[in-house]
Amino acid sequence: MRAELTGTQALAQRLESLLLSPQDTRSVDDPRSDVAGVVEWFGAMQSQDLASGLWSLGARLPRLTRVDIEAALERREALRTWPMRGTVHLVPARDAHWMLDLMGRRALVGAAKRREYLGLSDATADHAVEVLGAALAGGGRMTRAGCLATLQEAGISCAGQRGYHLLRYASQRGVTCIAPDVAGEQTFVLLDDWVPDRVRLPRDEALATIAVRYVRSHGPTTRQDMAGWTGLQAADVKRGIAAAGDELETVLAEGREMIVAAAATAPPEVRRADDAVLALPGFDEYLLGFKDRSLMLDPVDLPAVIPGRNGVFQATLVRAGRVIGTWKRATGRGRTVVTAVPLRSWSSAVRLRVEQAFEPYARYLGQPVEVRFTDQA
């Protein structure tokens, strides 16, 4: 008989899967206690905005500072590339190739229309990949500006959005990837140079692997959520879940069929009024990992979190698994100022919880964080 979960239990289990549970007590021996382990647990983590991607890791690794996380990326515990949906993600370094092969193909097909709009021929795009490959050969590393200058010198126009498209295309082809910033500038390297011990997986094994990683890090979730997250077609999602076998199972959550990792058990109900508040970045898996976000966010509040519904997510404040507000930061010399905006009026007790939510962020940044409040979205 399938397990049945209330909405509260499903949300609590989802927070546990996302490594955001207030009851999370991972030890230093837990494989998810470092950058490599967290990224592998998720399979991929949204990182289009670097600062958001780093804090997504920091929020789940409270022992580490931003400096620690940047050092881990320099050690190649994970890397950034465009593995799916045409969007930058953090992925396990050794897995980048098979993830690009599995999920990046559809994005490459869609990129052809974008090139047509930009006035770029397929031949020009392929030539750009060759130029970048030659320039980075032998362990080279260039800034974004350096890559664009190299393309310009080769007679390839980078005007408008052409340059960005060509850099993305080279990574989607599995030739380059994004390396950590140097002096605040994005850098690129050859993927094969950066990750010489790459992993290749047969298609069914790759489908099963990404299914298990997605569900264990986001469950309870649905096939539709997984299709939206991976960019895979529904048939491939179904095939991946089937290939995962008894590692995944179905449950009923408020009457809806959802998928969970077989090892997962329903945790106790989320604590209520006195529960801690989480300060999460805008592009966090907490919201971006799902097509249906109704467990975490009332649809009426979507415009406050995704203004214009243009894919740009505001940073969120989360209490008992539900979004209660948004926040913005302004970093100055020696301190960071954050402005917290409620979706509904907050009591003084909740405001105190919101202030406390930024204490881990201050430790992560290594500088004081001043919290200000406004009632204006």
Foldseek 3Di string as FASTA:
>chain_A
DFAEAELLLQLQLQCVLQLNHPPDDDDCPPLCQADLSVQLLQQKWFCLPPVQQLVLSLSNHLVAASVRNLVVLLVQSWFWAQLAPLGIITHGLQASVQSLVQHVPVVVVVVCVVCVVVVHDPVLLVVLLVQVLVVQPPNRKDFLVVSQVSSVVVVRDPPDPNSVSSVNVSVSVQQKGWGRDDPPTIMIHGSCVSHVNHDHDDNLVSLQSNLLSNQSNRPQAALQLSCQQRVDDSVSNVSNVVSVPQQKDWHHYVNDIGIHGNPGDRDDGQDPDLFAKAWHAFRGCLPSSGPDNVSAEPVVCVCVQCPVVPPGGFTFIGGSRHTFWGKDWDDDPQEIEMETEGPDDDDPSVVVSVVVNCPSVCVNPVGYYHYHYDPDD
